[in-house]
């Protein structure tokens, strides 16, 4: 009996203890749940705060993007992000030089007498090729990495003289130097897989394909003085900038690339004697009547033009082949006054309008010693009737040999030699007679030392000599310099003068006079800066 009572008491005690323990456990669990709930409430508040902050930041970004839609955002250097995608880049080059040059003419000649003015050494300050440009691209279409609209506007800068029309005693131009788009400017489309198509004006493939062969670009002795220059005038016929053109540039196919340009004549005249529609100068340069000629485009103006180039780059080897053709090239002014001209015409022989073309091949190699050597062979042809060959000075061969050596990390020394071959005929100059097989070959020698102050800035010293045979008149400085030393003396340009002959009018001046056979020479110190 006592045992039962004891067991019952023990069981009751255990229940009490168990109940008490359960009550304590439930109390602890409730406390933990309450603590967890508080943590959840705090976390929810923080999350709400973060969400609000993100929304505010996103809204602020959207508002800023709207504000930036009318402004360019800088990407890197002088490249800026453009609204709607793509970018815009500002670039340019400035250059100026101090020269001293001589025409190297005799004091007098058996034909033509004495040159008028100072033919000796003359100092000058010349702007070398200088420009400011802006170019841009705008991707579009389903694959914005493949196709884009491209554009470029480039203006010539005249640093050493006032901007304006080109005026001299040998040629005149109506093109305003220093105006926007006086240099390479275009609109077009480009794709990584198929290349680019551009419309505007540009240096043609014939010139661009061999630009790397010319370490004297813009200096005295630039290779354009003979290469691409058929008659030796102070303007280049082949490989010069072509207005109103359309061209294609291929992508690089394992080192092989191709480019082609077409420039329509835009000329209603059958003989290219009118200005091209929309232009201010005759095709090929100079205003109508330049050089005291009749007021037409009869001094090298042409109609349609084509330019092609094929290049191949394999490691240090570069190969190029190029071709250019000008249709209906009008050179009637070369026959003015000749007794063989049928019929007699103050404008010249109307049959002196013919196709001219040029082709060249070149090879360049860079040795491990940082020595670069290059060679170009060039050939010009003018298809005139046989009886006009006596004045055909536009058909000849030409060669160019260059070498450049990096002496230090900042110094490069270059040398060049160009040779102009003889031509079938010559229209004659002030001190020479016209006729077939003239002695009008020429050689040009150029030396230059260039020191780079940094990646973008360089100074240079260069010397050049154009050694003309007795009937040749190649110049010194053609190809981009503002000041050119050529064959002309200081004779007054022939022009109509209404005050002569008692008010009836007449011609004053007898120039320009071009004296062949000059030994032109010059020394130049200059600075170039690119950005």
Protein backbone atom coordinates (compact mmCIF):
# COMPACT_ATOMS: atom_id res chain seq x y z
CA UNK A 1 0.00 0.00 0.00
CA UNK A 2 2.74 2.40 0.90
CA UNK A 3 4.53 1.39 -2.23
CA UNK A 4 1.54 2.37 -4.39
CA UNK A 5 1.22 5.70 -2.67
CA UNK A 6 4.93 6.31 -3.16
CA UNK A 7 4.72 5.45 -6.85
CA UNK A 8 1.68 7.70 -7.32
CA UNK A 9 3.45 10.54 -5.61
CA UNK A 10 6.53 10.04 -7.77
CA UNK A 11 4.39 9.97 -10.93
CA UNK A 12 2.63 13.17 -9.93
CA UNK A 13 5.95 14.82 -9.26
CA UNK A 14 7.23 13.83 -12.66
CA UNK A 15 4.14 15.32 -14.35
CA UNK A 16 4.62 18.54 -12.49
CA UNK A 17 8.27 18.71 -13.49
CA UNK A 18 7.39 17.83 -17.10
CA UNK A 19 4.70 20.49 -17.25
CA UNK A 20 7.03 23.05 -15.80
CA UNK A 21 9.76 22.12 -18.30
CA UNK A 22 7.25 22.28 -21.16
CA UNK A 23 6.11 25.69 -20.07
CA UNK A 24 9.70 26.93 -19.92
CA UNK A 25 10.42 25.48 -23.40
CA UNK A 26 7.36 27.11 -24.91
CA UNK A 27 8.39 30.39 -23.35
CA UNK A 28 11.90 30.13 -24.87
CA UNK A 29 10.49 29.17 -28.27
CA UNK A 30 8.12 32.12 -28.24
CA UNK A 31 11.00 34.41 -27.38
CA UNK A 32 13.02 33.03 -30.25
CA UNK A 33 10.10 33.42 -32.67
CA UNK A 34 9.59 36.98 -31.55
CA UNK A 35 13.30 37.71 -32.05
CA UNK A 36 13.21 36.13 -35.50
CA UNK A 37 10.15 38.14 -36.44
CA UNK A 38 11.92 41.32 -35.37
CA UNK A 39 14.91 40.42 -37.54
CA UNK A 40 12.58 39.78 -40.48
CA UNK A 41 10.89 43.12 -39.94
CA UNK A 42 14.29 44.85 -39.84
CA UNK A 43 15.42 43.02 -42.99
CA UNK A 44 12.20 43.94 -44.77
CA UNK A 45 12.70 47.58 -43.87
CA UNK A 46 16.27 47.47 -45.17
CA UNK A 47 15.11 45.78 -48.40
CA UNK A 48 12.45 48.42 -48.90
CA UNK A 49 15.07 51.10 -48.37
CA UNK A 50 17.43 49.45 -50.92
CA UNK A 51 14.59 49.11 -53.45
CA UNK A 52 13.72 52.75 -53.03
CA UNK A 53 17.37 53.77 -53.46
CA UNK A 54 17.74 51.64 -56.62
CA UNK A 55 14.59 53.14 -58.09
CA UNK A 56 15.78 56.63 -57.27
CA UNK A 57 19.22 55.95 -58.83
CA UNK A 58 17.66 54.47 -61.95
CA UNK A 59 15.33 57.41 -62.29
CA UNK A 60 18.24 59.82 -61.87
CA UNK A 61 20.23 57.95 -64.54
CA UNK A 62 17.30 58.08 -66.95
CA UNK A 63 16.92 61.79 -66.35
CA UNK A 64 20.66 62.32 -66.91
CA UNK A 65 20.56 60.28 -70.13
CA UNK A 66 17.78 62.50 -71.38
CA UNK A 67 19.88 65.54 -70.55
CA UNK A 68 22.89 64.01 -72.35
CA UNK A 69 21.00 63.28 -75.57
CA UNK A 70 22.08 66.65 -76.99
CA UNK A 71 25.71 66.43 -75.84
CA UNK A 72 28.72 64.29 -76.78
CA UNK A 73 30.19 62.11 -74.05
CA UNK A 74 33.93 61.64 -74.05
CA UNK A 75 35.09 58.11 -74.85
CA UNK A 76 38.88 58.39 -75.03
CA UNK A 77 41.34 60.97 -76.34
CA UNK A 78 39.48 63.18 -78.80
CA UNK A 79 36.81 60.55 -79.49
CA UNK A 80 33.34 61.18 -78.09
CA UNK A 81 30.27 58.98 -77.79
CA UNK A 82 27.45 60.21 -80.02
CA UNK A 83 23.72 60.20 -79.18
CA UNK A 84 22.01 57.16 -80.63
CA UNK A 85 25.23 55.11 -80.81
CA UNK A 86 28.60 55.43 -82.48
CA UNK A 87 31.22 58.09 -81.92
CA UNK A 88 32.80 61.25 -83.29
CA UNK A 89 36.55 61.88 -83.50
CA UNK A 90 38.40 65.17 -83.86
CA UNK A 91 41.82 64.94 -85.54
CA UNK A 92 44.28 67.06 -87.47
CA UNK A 93 47.80 68.01 -88.43
CA UNK A 94 49.69 71.30 -88.26
CA UNK A 95 52.95 72.04 -90.03
CA UNK A 96 55.08 75.00 -91.00
CA UNK A 97 58.57 75.39 -92.44
CA UNK A 98 61.24 78.00 -93.02
CA UNK A 99 62.79 77.57 -96.47
CA UNK A 100 65.43 79.07 -98.65
CA UNK A 101 65.32 78.07 -102.30
CA UNK A 102 66.80 79.03 -105.65
CA UNK A 103 65.41 78.56 -109.17
CA UNK A 104 68.93 77.86 -110.40
CA UNK A 105 68.44 79.64 -113.73
CA UNK A 106 71.10 81.24 -115.92
CA UNK A 107 71.33 85.02 -116.10
CA UNK A 108 70.41 84.91 -119.79
CA UNK A 109 69.56 82.47 -122.59
CA UNK A 110 70.01 82.49 -126.36
CA UNK A 111 66.22 82.09 -126.66
CA UNK A 112 64.02 84.08 -124.29
CA UNK A 113 66.66 86.49 -123.02
CA UNK A 114 67.07 87.11 -119.32
CA UNK A 115 64.63 85.93 -116.62
CA UNK A 116 62.83 88.83 -114.92
CA UNK A 117 63.44 89.26 -111.20
CA UNK A 118 65.55 87.52 -108.57
CA UNK A 119 66.25 83.92 -109.55
CA UNK A 120 68.73 83.30 -106.70
CA UNK A 121 68.25 82.17 -103.12
CA UNK A 122 65.04 83.48 -101.56
CA UNK A 123 63.83 82.81 -97.99
CA UNK A 124 60.17 81.97 -97.40
CA UNK A 125 57.80 80.66 -94.75
CA UNK A 126 55.53 77.93 -96.06
CA UNK A 127 52.58 76.09 -94.57
CA UNK A 128 53.14 72.37 -95.03
CA UNK A 129 50.03 70.10 -95.25
CA UNK A 130 47.85 71.28 -92.35
CA UNK A 131 44.24 70.42 -91.66
CA UNK A 132 41.56 69.88 -89.04
CA UNK A 133 39.00 67.15 -89.49
CA UNK A 134 36.11 65.47 -87.77
CA UNK A 135 34.89 61.97 -88.58
CA UNK A 136 32.13 59.83 -87.16
CA UNK A 137 30.36 56.50 -87.35
CA UNK A 138 26.82 55.43 -86.49
CA UNK A 139 26.03 51.68 -86.22
CA UNK A 140 22.59 50.62 -87.37
CA UNK A 141 20.59 47.55 -88.40
CA UNK A 142 20.12 44.21 -86.63
CA UNK A 143 23.85 43.67 -86.15
CA UNK A 144 25.29 47.00 -85.00
CA UNK A 145 28.82 45.58 -85.02
CA UNK A 146 28.75 44.88 -88.74
CA UNK A 147 27.18 47.85 -90.54
CA UNK A 148 27.53 51.56 -89.86
CA UNK A 149 27.01 54.95 -91.44
CA UNK A 150 30.34 56.81 -91.71
CA UNK A 151 31.22 60.43 -92.48
CA UNK A 152 34.17 62.81 -92.54
CA UNK A 153 34.70 66.56 -92.99
CA UNK A 154 38.22 67.90 -93.43
CA UNK A 155 39.36 71.52 -93.77
CA UNK A 156 42.71 72.80 -95.00
CA UNK A 157 44.45 75.19 -92.61
CA UNK A 158 46.70 77.97 -93.93
CA UNK A 159 49.04 78.90 -91.07
CA UNK A 160 51.65 81.06 -92.75
CA UNK A 161 49.36 83.17 -94.98
CA UNK A 162 45.83 84.54 -95.18
CA UNK A 163 43.13 82.14 -96.30
CA UNK A 164 41.65 82.89 -99.71
CA UNK A 165 41.83 82.20 -103.43
CA UNK A 166 45.05 80.91 -104.98
CA UNK A 167 46.76 83.70 -106.94
CA UNK A 168 50.23 83.72 -108.53
CA UNK A 169 51.90 84.90 -111.70
CA UNK A 170 51.57 81.41 -113.20
CA UNK A 171 48.24 79.97 -112.08
CA UNK A 172 45.00 80.97 -110.37
CA UNK A 173 42.45 78.98 -108.39
CA UNK A 174 38.90 79.78 -107.27
CA UNK A 175 39.06 77.25 -104.43
CA UNK A 176 39.13 78.99 -101.04
CA UNK A 177 41.96 77.61 -98.95
CA UNK A 178 41.03 77.28 -95.31
CA UNK A 179 37.34 76.59 -96.00
CA UNK A 180 35.51 73.60 -94.53
CA UNK A 181 35.69 70.41 -96.65
CA UNK A 182 38.57 71.64 -98.84
CA UNK A 183 40.23 68.27 -98.15
CA UNK A 184 39.02 64.65 -97.93
CA UNK A 185 35.31 64.72 -97.07
CA UNK A 186 32.63 62.07 -97.62
CA UNK A 187 29.51 60.21 -96.51
CA UNK A 188 29.23 56.43 -96.78
CA UNK A 189 28.56 53.00 -95.35
CA UNK A 190 30.98 50.42 -93.98
CA UNK A 191 30.87 46.80 -92.87
CA UNK A 192 33.52 44.59 -91.36
CA UNK A 193 32.88 41.79 -93.84
CA UNK A 194 32.36 43.69 -97.10
CA UNK A 195 34.40 46.92 -96.84
CA UNK A 196 33.20 50.50 -97.38
CA UNK A 197 31.48 52.63 -100.02
CA UNK A 198 32.04 56.40 -99.82
CA UNK A 199 30.83 59.42 -101.79
CA UNK A 200 32.51 62.83 -101.74
CA UNK A 201 36.11 63.79 -102.49
CA UNK A 202 39.29 61.95 -101.63
CA UNK A 203 42.87 61.26 -102.63
CA UNK A 204 42.39 58.43 -105.15
CA UNK A 205 43.66 54.84 -104.72
CA UNK A 206 46.46 55.59 -107.19
CA UNK A 207 47.98 57.99 -104.66
CA UNK A 208 47.01 56.41 -101.33
CA UNK A 209 48.41 53.01 -102.27
CA UNK A 210 51.99 54.37 -102.47
CA UNK A 211 51.85 57.11 -99.82
CA UNK A 212 54.04 54.97 -97.56
CA UNK A 213 56.85 55.26 -100.15
CA UNK A 214 57.07 59.02 -99.53
CA UNK A 215 58.96 59.87 -96.30
CA UNK A 216 59.21 63.47 -97.56
CA UNK A 217 55.46 64.15 -97.65
CA UNK A 218 54.96 67.92 -97.57
CA UNK A 219 58.71 68.63 -97.58
CA UNK A 220 60.92 70.00 -100.33
CA UNK A 221 61.61 67.02 -102.57
CA UNK A 222 58.22 65.37 -102.02
CA UNK A 223 58.01 62.53 -104.57
CA UNK A 224 54.94 64.17 -106.20
CA UNK A 225 57.33 66.58 -107.94
CA UNK A 226 58.06 63.84 -110.47
CA UNK A 227 55.86 60.85 -109.60
CA UNK A 228 52.35 61.45 -110.96
CA UNK A 229 53.45 64.76 -112.50
CA UNK A 230 53.50 64.29 -116.27
CA UNK A 231 54.75 67.62 -117.61
CA UNK A 232 56.64 69.05 -114.68
CA UNK A 233 54.12 71.75 -113.78
CA UNK A 234 53.59 72.89 -110.20
CA UNK A 235 50.45 70.77 -109.96
CA UNK A 236 50.19 66.98 -109.99
CA UNK A 237 48.00 65.32 -112.63
CA UNK A 238 47.77 61.70 -111.41
CA UNK A 239 47.11 60.84 -107.80
CA UNK A 240 45.67 64.24 -106.87
CA UNK A 241 42.48 64.80 -104.87
CA UNK A 242 39.33 64.13 -106.92
CA UNK A 243 36.06 65.96 -106.30
CA UNK A 244 32.56 64.51 -106.85
CA UNK A 245 33.68 60.88 -106.61
CA UNK A 246 32.37 57.52 -105.43
CA UNK A 247 34.77 54.79 -104.32
CA UNK A 248 34.97 51.33 -102.77
CA UNK A 249 37.51 50.07 -100.23
CA UNK A 250 37.72 46.34 -99.60
CA UNK A 251 38.45 44.69 -96.24
CA UNK A 252 41.82 43.06 -95.69
CA UNK A 253 41.76 39.52 -97.09
CA UNK A 254 44.83 37.91 -95.48
CA UNK A 255 47.02 40.84 -96.51
CA UNK A 256 45.33 41.50 -99.88
CA UNK A 257 43.19 44.62 -100.37
CA UNK A 258 41.60 46.44 -103.29
CA UNK A 259 40.17 49.93 -103.87
CA UNK A 260 38.50 51.60 -106.85
CA UNK A 261 37.27 55.15 -107.51
CA UNK A 262 35.05 56.69 -110.21
CA UNK A 263 34.64 60.43 -110.76
CA UNK A 264 32.03 61.46 -113.37
CA UNK A 265 33.05 64.37 -115.59
CA UNK A 266 29.85 66.35 -114.95
CA UNK A 267 30.74 68.33 -118.06
CA UNK A 268 28.25 69.25 -120.82
CA UNK A 269 31.09 70.13 -123.17
CA UNK A 270 32.32 67.38 -125.49
CA UNK A 271 35.94 68.47 -124.99
CA UNK A 272 35.95 69.06 -121.19
CA UNK A 273 36.44 72.79 -121.76
CA UNK A 274 33.67 73.79 -119.35
CA UNK A 275 33.75 73.71 -115.60
CA UNK A 276 32.41 70.48 -114.12
CA UNK A 277 28.89 71.05 -112.79
CA UNK A 278 29.05 72.28 -109.20
CA UNK A 279 32.79 73.05 -109.27
CA UNK A 280 34.76 76.30 -109.09
CA UNK A 281 38.00 75.12 -110.77
CA UNK A 282 38.66 73.17 -113.93
CA UNK A 283 39.05 69.42 -113.44
CA UNK A 284 42.72 68.86 -112.66
CA UNK A 285 43.14 72.27 -111.01
CA UNK A 286 43.25 75.98 -111.87
CA UNK A 287 40.46 78.38 -112.79
CA UNK A 288 39.41 78.96 -116.44
CA UNK A 289 41.92 81.27 -118.08
CA UNK A 290 44.63 80.65 -115.49
CA UNK A 291 48.13 81.58 -116.63
CA UNK A 292 46.91 84.23 -119.09
CA UNK A 293 45.23 81.59 -121.29
CA UNK A 294 41.82 81.95 -122.97
CA UNK A 295 38.96 81.74 -120.40
CA UNK A 296 38.25 78.04 -120.84
CA UNK A 297 39.43 74.77 -119.32
CA UNK A 298 42.04 73.96 -121.99
CA UNK A 299 45.10 73.31 -119.81
CA UNK A 300 44.61 69.73 -118.63
CA UNK A 301 40.90 69.60 -117.76
CA UNK A 302 39.40 66.11 -118.08
CA UNK A 303 36.05 64.35 -118.08
CA UNK A 304 35.45 60.96 -116.42
CA UNK A 305 38.24 59.56 -114.25
CA UNK A 306 38.97 56.08 -112.88
CA UNK A 307 41.52 55.05 -110.24
CA UNK A 308 42.37 51.51 -109.06
CA UNK A 309 44.86 49.96 -106.66
CA UNK A 310 45.70 46.43 -105.53
CA UNK A 311 47.99 45.97 -102.53
CA UNK A 312 49.44 43.00 -100.67
CA UNK A 313 51.14 43.01 -97.26
CA UNK A 314 53.00 39.95 -95.98
CA UNK A 315 55.00 40.55 -92.84
CA UNK A 316 57.68 43.10 -93.84
CA UNK A 317 56.97 42.93 -97.58
CA UNK A 318 54.55 45.33 -99.31
CA UNK A 319 53.54 45.08 -103.00
CA UNK A 320 51.34 47.46 -104.98
CA UNK A 321 49.95 47.84 -108.50
CA UNK A 322 47.84 50.88 -109.43
CA UNK A 323 46.16 52.40 -112.48
CA UNK A 324 44.43 55.71 -113.22
CA UNK A 325 42.76 57.08 -116.36
CA UNK A 326 41.47 60.54 -117.34
CA UNK A 327 39.12 60.81 -120.32
CA UNK A 328 38.99 63.69 -122.84
CA UNK A 329 41.95 65.58 -121.38
CA UNK A 330 41.94 69.02 -123.03
CA UNK A 331 45.40 70.48 -123.74
CA UNK A 332 44.46 72.76 -126.64
CA UNK A 333 46.44 75.58 -125.01
CA UNK A 334 49.67 73.65 -125.73
CA UNK A 335 49.15 74.28 -129.47
CA UNK A 336 48.15 77.96 -129.45
CA UNK A 337 50.08 79.87 -132.11
CA UNK A 338 51.82 76.91 -133.75
CA UNK A 339 51.86 77.06 -137.57
CA UNK A 340 51.03 73.36 -137.77
CA UNK A 341 47.69 73.84 -136.05
CA UNK A 342 44.81 73.10 -138.51
CA UNK A 343 42.88 75.33 -138.75
CA UNK A 344 44.40 78.48 -137.19
CA UNK A 345 42.64 78.99 -133.88
CA UNK A 346 43.38 81.31 -130.98
CA UNK A 347 42.12 78.57 -128.63
CA UNK A 348 44.51 75.90 -129.97
CA UNK A 349 44.09 72.68 -131.94
CA UNK A 350 40.67 71.13 -131.19
CA UNK A 351 42.12 67.66 -131.74
CA UNK A 352 44.44 68.03 -128.76
CA UNK A 353 41.84 66.36 -126.54
CA UNK A 354 42.80 62.79 -125.65
CA UNK A 355 42.75 60.03 -123.07
CA UNK A 356 45.62 59.99 -120.57
CA UNK A 357 46.45 57.10 -118.28
CA UNK A 358 49.10 56.05 -115.81
CA UNK A 359 50.11 52.80 -114.15
CA UNK A 360 52.73 51.93 -111.59
CA UNK A 361 54.08 49.00 -109.62
CA UNK A 362 55.99 49.19 -106.38
CA UNK A 363 57.74 47.06 -103.77
CA UNK A 364 58.77 48.00 -100.24
CA UNK A 365 60.56 45.98 -97.56
CA UNK A 366 61.42 46.65 -93.92
CA UNK A 367 64.58 44.89 -92.71
CA UNK A 368 65.19 43.79 -89.09
CA UNK A 369 67.76 46.61 -88.88
CA UNK A 370 64.82 49.09 -89.09
CA UNK A 371 65.86 49.94 -92.63
CA UNK A 372 63.02 50.58 -95.09
CA UNK A 373 63.66 50.51 -98.84
CA UNK A 374 61.14 51.03 -101.63
CA UNK A 375 61.03 51.25 -105.42
CA UNK A 376 58.31 52.43 -107.84
CA UNK A 377 58.20 52.25 -111.63
CA UNK A 378 55.58 54.45 -113.31
CA UNK A 379 54.41 54.88 -116.93
CA UNK A 380 52.28 57.66 -118.49
CA UNK A 381 50.54 57.61 -121.88
CA UNK A 382 48.62 60.23 -123.89
CA UNK A 383 46.71 59.05 -127.00
CA UNK A 384 46.97 62.00 -129.42
CA UNK A 385 46.93 61.88 -133.24
CA UNK A 386 50.34 61.22 -134.79
CA UNK A 387 50.70 64.77 -136.14
CA UNK A 388 50.40 66.13 -132.56
CA UNK A 389 53.18 63.99 -131.11
CA UNK A 390 55.59 66.91 -131.61
CA UNK A 391 54.09 68.61 -128.51
CA UNK A 392 53.28 65.51 -126.43
CA UNK A 393 55.20 66.09 -123.17
CA UNK A 394 52.74 63.95 -121.19
CA UNK A 395 54.00 60.49 -122.18
CA UNK A 396 57.02 59.17 -120.30
CA UNK A 397 58.33 56.78 -117.66
CA UNK A 398 59.32 57.60 -114.09
CA UNK A 399 61.16 55.86 -111.26
CA UNK A 400 61.42 56.44 -107.52
CA UNK A 401 63.87 54.90 -105.06
CA UNK A 402 63.72 55.60 -101.33
CA UNK A 403 65.43 54.44 -98.15
CA UNK A 404 64.78 55.29 -94.50
CA UNK A 405 66.86 54.29 -91.49
CA UNK A 406 65.80 54.55 -87.85
CA UNK A 407 69.05 55.73 -86.25
CA UNK A 408 67.67 55.97 -82.72
CA UNK A 409 64.23 55.55 -81.18
CA UNK A 410 63.51 59.19 -82.03
CA UNK A 411 65.59 59.87 -85.15
CA UNK A 412 65.01 58.80 -88.75
CA UNK A 413 67.20 59.61 -91.76
CA UNK A 414 65.75 59.28 -95.29
CA UNK A 415 67.04 59.59 -98.85
CA UNK A 416 65.21 59.60 -102.16
CA UNK A 417 65.94 59.69 -105.89
CA UNK A 418 63.40 60.25 -108.68
CA UNK A 419 63.96 60.17 -112.42
CA UNK A 420 61.66 61.54 -115.14
CA UNK A 421 62.21 59.96 -118.54
CA UNK A 422 62.08 61.76 -121.88
CA UNK A 423 58.87 62.43 -123.82
CA UNK A 424 57.94 62.19 -127.55
CA UNK A 425 57.58 65.95 -127.88
CA UNK A 426 57.49 69.33 -126.19
CA UNK A 427 55.25 72.39 -126.72
CA UNK A 428 58.24 74.59 -125.89
CA UNK A 429 58.92 77.02 -123.05
CA UNK A 430 60.03 80.63 -123.00
CA UNK A 431 63.66 79.69 -123.63
CA UNK A 432 63.21 76.48 -125.68
CA UNK A 433 61.82 75.53 -129.08
CA UNK A 434 58.94 73.10 -129.54
CA UNK A 435 59.40 69.82 -131.37
CA UNK A 436 59.94 66.05 -131.13
CA UNK A 437 62.46 64.21 -128.95
CA UNK A 438 63.36 67.05 -126.56
CA UNK A 439 66.05 66.73 -123.91
CA UNK A 440 63.57 67.01 -121.04
CA UNK A 441 64.65 64.33 -118.61
CA UNK A 442 65.17 65.28 -114.95
CA UNK A 443 66.48 63.91 -111.67
CA UNK A 444 65.49 64.84 -108.14
CA UNK A 445 67.50 64.10 -105.00
CA UNK A 446 66.16 64.46 -101.46
CA UNK A 447 67.64 64.07 -97.98
CA UNK A 448 65.88 64.52 -94.64
CA UNK A 449 66.54 64.07 -90.94
CA UNK A 450 63.47 63.85 -88.71
CA UNK A 451 63.54 63.95 -84.91
CA UNK A 452 60.44 62.98 -82.90
CA UNK A 453 60.00 65.03 -79.76
CA UNK A 454 57.21 62.64 -78.81
CA UNK A 455 54.76 60.36 -80.62
CA UNK A 456 52.87 63.27 -82.18
CA UNK A 457 55.45 66.06 -82.60
CA UNK A 458 58.50 66.11 -84.85
CA UNK A 459 61.03 68.56 -86.26
CA UNK A 460 62.98 68.05 -89.46
CA UNK A 461 65.78 69.37 -91.63
CA UNK A 462 65.73 68.57 -95.33
CA UNK A 463 67.49 69.37 -98.59
CA UNK A 464 66.34 68.77 -102.15
CA UNK A 465 67.64 69.32 -105.67
CA UNK A 466 65.69 69.11 -108.93
CA UNK A 467 68.21 68.88 -111.75
CA UNK A 468 66.42 69.56 -115.07
CA UNK A 469 67.90 68.84 -118.48
CA UNK A 470 67.82 71.75 -120.92
CA UNK A 471 64.16 71.36 -121.94
CA UNK A 472 62.69 70.12 -118.62
CA UNK A 473 60.92 72.32 -116.07
CA UNK A 474 60.11 70.18 -113.02
CA UNK A 475 59.72 72.25 -109.87
CA UNK A 476 60.49 72.01 -106.17
CA UNK A 477 57.67 71.90 -103.63
CA UNK A 478 54.67 70.46 -105.49
CA UNK A 479 52.51 68.04 -103.56
CA UNK A 480 51.15 70.03 -100.65
CA UNK A 481 53.37 73.01 -99.80
CA UNK A 482 51.89 76.50 -99.78
CA UNK A 483 55.06 77.96 -101.35
CA UNK A 484 56.35 76.28 -104.51
CA UNK A 485 59.56 77.10 -106.37
CA UNK A 486 58.97 76.56 -110.10
CA UNK A 487 60.18 77.58 -113.56
CA UNK A 488 58.43 80.97 -113.74
CA UNK A 489 60.22 84.28 -113.45
CA UNK A 490 58.73 87.50 -112.04
CA UNK A 491 57.30 88.74 -115.35
CA UNK A 492 53.96 90.49 -115.05
CA UNK A 493 51.00 88.26 -115.82
CA UNK A 494 49.31 89.09 -119.11
CA UNK A 495 45.85 90.53 -118.49
CA UNK A 496 43.27 92.75 -120.15
CA UNK A 497 43.79 96.43 -119.27
CA UNK A 498 40.84 98.76 -120.14
CA UNK A 499 43.02 101.88 -119.70
CA UNK A 500 45.26 101.10 -122.68
CA UNK A 501 44.84 102.40 -126.23
CA UNK A 502 42.96 105.51 -125.17
CA UNK A 503 40.34 103.58 -123.27
CA UNK A 504 39.80 100.99 -125.99
CA UNK A 505 41.59 98.44 -123.90
CA UNK A 506 44.48 96.09 -124.48
CA UNK A 507 46.69 93.48 -122.89
CA UNK A 508 49.25 94.48 -120.27
CA UNK A 509 52.08 92.22 -119.22
CA UNK A 510 53.69 89.42 -121.18
CA UNK A 511 53.91 86.68 -118.56
CA UNK A 512 54.07 84.12 -117.33
CA UNK A 513 57.53 83.13 -118.56
CA UNK A 514 58.63 79.57 -117.83
CA UNK A 515 62.37 78.97 -118.21
CA UNK A 516 63.33 75.33 -118.68
CA UNK A 517 66.61 73.78 -117.56
CA UNK A 518 66.62 75.15 -114.02
CA UNK A 519 68.67 73.53 -111.29
CA UNK A 520 66.26 74.16 -108.43
CA UNK A 521 67.59 73.66 -104.93
CA UNK A 522 66.36 74.28 -101.39
CA UNK A 523 66.90 73.77 -97.67
CA UNK A 524 64.02 73.62 -95.20
CA UNK A 525 63.54 73.43 -91.42
CA UNK A 526 60.07 72.54 -90.22
CA UNK A 527 57.83 71.20 -87.47
CA UNK A 528 54.83 68.86 -87.64
CA UNK A 529 52.21 68.08 -85.01
CA UNK A 530 49.45 65.49 -85.29
CA UNK A 531 46.50 64.88 -83.02
